[in-house]
Protein backbone atom coordinates (compact mmCIF):
# COMPACT_ATOMS: atom_id res chain seq x y z
CA MET A 1 -20.66 2.28 -20.33
CA SER A 2 -23.29 4.62 -18.92
CA ASP A 3 -22.46 8.14 -17.78
CA ALA A 4 -23.26 7.12 -14.19
CA ALA A 5 -20.84 4.18 -14.33
CA MET A 6 -18.12 6.37 -15.82
CA LEU A 7 -18.64 8.94 -13.07
CA ARG A 8 -18.32 6.25 -10.39
CA ARG A 9 -15.05 5.05 -11.84
CA MET A 10 -13.68 8.57 -12.07
CA GLN A 11 -14.61 9.23 -8.44
CA VAL A 12 -12.89 6.04 -7.31
CA MET A 13 -9.76 6.91 -9.30
CA GLU A 14 -9.72 10.39 -7.76
CA LEU A 15 -9.91 8.82 -4.29
CA VAL A 16 -6.92 6.60 -5.05
CA GLN A 17 -4.92 9.57 -6.34
CA ASN A 18 -5.84 11.76 -3.37
CA TRP A 19 -4.61 9.05 -0.98
CA ALA A 20 -1.10 9.14 -2.43
CA VAL A 21 -0.84 12.92 -2.79
CA TRP A 22 -2.21 13.77 0.65
CA ARG A 23 -0.34 11.03 2.49
CA ASP A 24 3.04 11.90 0.96
CA ALA A 25 2.47 15.62 1.52
CA GLY A 26 1.64 15.08 5.18
CA ASP A 27 -1.83 16.56 4.64
CA TRP A 28 -3.25 14.44 7.42
CA GLU A 29 -6.67 16.07 7.75
CA ARG A 30 -7.54 15.55 4.10
CA PHE A 31 -5.88 12.14 4.18
CA ARG A 32 -8.37 11.08 6.86
CA THR A 33 -11.22 11.77 4.44
CA CYS A 34 -10.03 8.96 2.15
CA TRP A 35 -11.00 6.30 4.68
CA ALA A 36 -14.27 4.69 5.71
CA PRO A 37 -14.86 4.71 9.49
CA GLU A 38 -14.00 1.00 9.51
CA GLY A 39 -11.10 1.49 7.10
CA ARG A 40 -7.99 -0.63 7.50
CA MET A 41 -4.47 -0.50 6.04
CA MET A 42 -2.26 -3.50 5.37
CA ALA A 43 1.32 -2.34 4.87
CA THR A 44 4.55 -4.25 5.39
CA TRP A 45 5.28 -2.20 8.49
CA CYS A 46 1.77 -1.49 9.83
CA GLN A 47 -1.43 -3.56 9.73
CA ALA A 48 -4.01 -1.51 11.57
CA PRO A 49 -7.22 0.50 11.46
CA ALA A 50 -6.86 3.65 9.37
CA THR A 51 -6.80 5.86 12.45
CA GLU A 52 -3.83 3.94 13.83
CA PHE A 53 -2.10 3.90 10.44
CA ILE A 54 -2.45 7.69 10.21
CA ARG A 55 -1.05 8.12 13.72
CA ALA A 56 1.91 5.84 12.93
CA SER A 57 2.52 7.69 9.66
CA GLN A 58 2.53 11.02 11.50
CA GLU A 59 5.00 9.70 14.03
CA GLY A 60 7.25 8.39 11.28
CA TRP A 61 6.99 11.71 9.42
CA ALA A 62 8.09 13.57 12.57
CA LYS A 63 11.09 11.25 12.94
CA GLY A 64 12.17 11.74 9.33
CA VAL A 65 10.94 8.42 7.90
CA SER A 66 10.89 8.94 4.13
CA ILE A 67 8.26 6.87 2.26
CA LEU A 68 6.85 8.14 -1.02
CA HIS A 69 4.39 6.70 -3.55
CA PHE A 70 4.09 7.04 -7.31
CA LEU A 71 0.96 5.81 -9.10
CA GLY A 72 0.46 4.39 -12.57
CA GLY A 73 -2.53 2.88 -14.33
CA CYS A 74 -5.72 2.22 -12.40
CA SER A 75 -8.34 -0.45 -13.15
CA VAL A 76 -11.70 -0.05 -11.42
CA GLU A 77 -14.59 -2.50 -11.14
CA THR A 78 -17.84 -1.27 -9.62
CA GLU A 79 -21.02 -3.00 -8.57
CA GLY A 80 -23.63 -0.76 -6.99
CA LYS A 81 -22.04 1.05 -4.08
CA ARG A 82 -18.94 -1.14 -4.02
CA ALA A 83 -15.72 -1.06 -5.99
CA ILE A 84 -12.39 -2.82 -6.35
CA ALA A 85 -9.52 -0.65 -7.59
CA GLN A 86 -6.15 -2.01 -8.68
CA THR A 87 -3.52 0.67 -9.17
CA LYS A 88 0.04 0.23 -10.36
CA MET A 89 2.40 1.88 -7.89
CA THR A 90 5.92 2.18 -6.62
CA ILE A 91 6.88 2.65 -2.99
CA SER A 92 10.15 4.51 -2.51
CA GLN A 93 11.85 4.62 0.89
CA ARG A 94 15.19 6.18 1.86
CA ALA A 95 17.07 5.26 5.02
CA PRO A 96 20.52 4.16 6.19
CA VAL A 97 21.31 0.43 5.97
CA HIS A 98 24.50 -0.63 7.79
CA GLY A 99 25.62 2.99 7.74
CA VAL A 100 24.98 3.50 4.02
CA VAL A 101 22.07 5.69 2.89
CA VAL A 102 20.03 3.76 0.32
CA ASP A 103 16.89 4.06 -1.74
CA VAL A 104 14.58 1.06 -1.96
CA VAL A 105 12.01 1.05 -4.75
CA CYS A 106 9.25 -1.55 -4.60
CA THR A 107 6.91 -2.06 -7.54
CA GLY A 108 3.43 -3.50 -7.19
CA ARG A 109 -0.26 -2.68 -6.99
CA PHE A 110 -2.63 -1.19 -4.48
CA TYR A 111 -5.65 -3.50 -4.21
CA ASP A 112 -8.46 -1.48 -2.65
CA PHE A 113 -11.86 -2.50 -1.31
CA ILE A 114 -13.94 0.66 -1.67
CA GLU A 115 -17.50 1.57 -0.75
CA GLU A 116 -19.72 4.56 -1.39
CA LYS A 117 -20.74 6.18 1.90
CA ALA A 118 -23.02 9.15 2.57
CA ASP A 119 -20.06 11.50 2.04
CA GLY A 120 -18.57 9.80 -1.01
CA TRP A 121 -16.37 6.85 -1.95
CA LYS A 122 -14.08 5.64 0.84
CA ILE A 123 -11.40 2.99 1.27
CA VAL A 124 -12.55 0.11 3.47
CA LEU A 125 -9.35 -1.93 3.06
CA ARG A 126 -6.09 -1.32 1.24
CA GLN A 127 -3.93 -4.38 0.61
CA PRO A 128 -0.80 -3.78 -1.44
CA ILE A 129 0.50 -6.49 -3.75
CA TYR A 130 4.31 -6.50 -3.76
CA GLU A 131 5.80 -7.64 -7.07
CA LYS A 132 9.53 -6.80 -7.04
CA ASP A 133 11.98 -4.44 -5.39
CA ARG A 134 15.59 -3.29 -5.38
CA MET A 135 18.01 -1.41 -3.13
CA ASP A 136 20.58 1.13 -4.34
CA PRO A 137 23.07 3.25 -2.38
CA VAL A 138 22.40 6.95 -2.87
CA ASP A 139 26.16 7.35 -3.32
CA PRO A 140 26.98 4.97 -6.18
CA ALA A 141 30.55 4.64 -4.87
CA ALA A 142 29.41 3.35 -1.49
CA LYS A 143 29.97 -0.30 -0.59
CA LEU A 144 27.06 -2.18 0.93
CA GLU A 145 26.86 -5.78 2.10
CA LEU A 146 23.56 -7.25 3.24
CA ASP A 147 23.03 -10.08 5.70
CA PRO A 148 21.84 -12.95 3.47
CA THR A 149 20.12 -14.72 6.37
CA LEU A 150 18.01 -11.68 7.21
CA LEU A 151 17.30 -10.96 3.54
CA SER A 152 16.05 -14.51 2.94
CA ARG A 153 13.42 -14.16 5.69
CA PHE A 154 11.27 -12.02 3.43
CA PRO A 155 9.34 -12.75 0.19
CA GLU A 156 11.00 -11.90 -3.09
CA GLY A 157 8.52 -9.11 -3.87
CA TYR A 158 9.57 -6.88 -0.99
CA ARG A 159 12.63 -8.39 0.65
CA HIS A 160 14.83 -5.29 0.29
CA LEU A 161 12.06 -3.02 1.53
CA ALA A 162 11.53 -5.34 4.50
CA TYR A 163 15.27 -5.47 5.18
CA LEU A 164 15.43 -1.68 5.37
CA GLN A 165 12.28 -1.36 7.48
CA THR A 166 13.47 -4.04 9.91
CA GLY A 167 16.73 -2.18 10.29
CA ILE A 168 15.02 1.04 11.35
CA GLY A 169 12.92 -0.74 13.95
CA TYR A 170 9.69 -1.91 12.32
CA GLU A 171 8.26 -5.40 12.69
CA VAL A 172 7.57 -6.41 9.10
CA LYS A 173 4.80 -8.82 8.06
CA THR A 174 6.34 -11.71 6.13
CA ASP A 175 3.40 -13.11 4.13
CA MET A 176 2.05 -10.27 2.03
CA PRO A 177 0.63 -11.07 -1.44
CA GLY A 178 3.04 -11.09 -4.36
CA LEU A 179 2.64 -11.29 -8.12
CA LYS A 180 1.84 -15.02 -8.01
CA GLY A 181 0.79 -17.64 -5.49
CA ASP A 182 -2.06 -18.71 -3.25
CA LYS A 183 -2.03 -15.51 -1.18
CA VAL A 184 -2.78 -13.21 -4.10
CA GLN A 185 -5.36 -15.62 -5.52
CA THR A 186 -7.16 -15.56 -2.17
CA LEU A 187 -7.10 -11.76 -2.31
CA TYR A 188 -8.66 -11.78 -5.79
CA ALA A 189 -11.37 -14.13 -4.54
CA ALA A 190 -12.11 -11.79 -1.64
CA GLY A 191 -12.40 -8.91 -4.09
CA ALA A 192 -14.87 -10.81 -6.26
CA ALA A 193 -16.94 -11.65 -3.18
CA TRP A 194 -16.89 -7.99 -2.13
CA LEU A 195 -18.35 -6.96 -5.49
CA ARG A 196 -21.07 -9.59 -5.09
CA GLY A 197 -22.15 -7.86 -1.90
CA GLU A 198 -20.69 -10.38 0.52
CA ALA A 199 -18.95 -9.50 3.79
CA LEU A 200 -15.28 -8.60 3.56
CA SER A 201 -13.51 -11.93 3.81
CA TRP A 202 -9.83 -11.02 3.42
CA GLU A 203 -7.78 -12.40 6.29
CA GLU A 204 -4.61 -10.84 7.57
């Protein structure tokens, strides 16, 4: 790998890391710099342009919504001024469910469509892939019973996260990509097309 290619990958990885650190710290001004002007976020609870996602995140922060991210390995493919980054991550959210404070931990990947702009590499689209999740009472002695009908509305990869988010008032998208299936294969195809220089073809 050439020095230039290695530098591109390191810059993309730094962008991915900055997103998580600045978002979770509430460093909104620097967080804005992670996004392309046309940037868009696809989260369970918010599918919107980056500017709207930032506003919604700020509002949630002010109301005490607790969502944190932890990153693992990152795989980056680059082609010219475009990149696809896949980053292992966990999303951790704490909130009361039926009067019991719980932690939900969802494991998956951030799948990022990234482009080099005049001021550096920026996220054009972030689509998480939700692989599995779990819910645990913060007090291990607490008793918690979930509504099985509500729980079954959501895909296996993020059903507990969606259950919690629905309970605190969010409208949760019910067809996000998981570890397997047609949805994630379509996402991979869109990523390959992006690297070939084609228009972004991922559909919400």
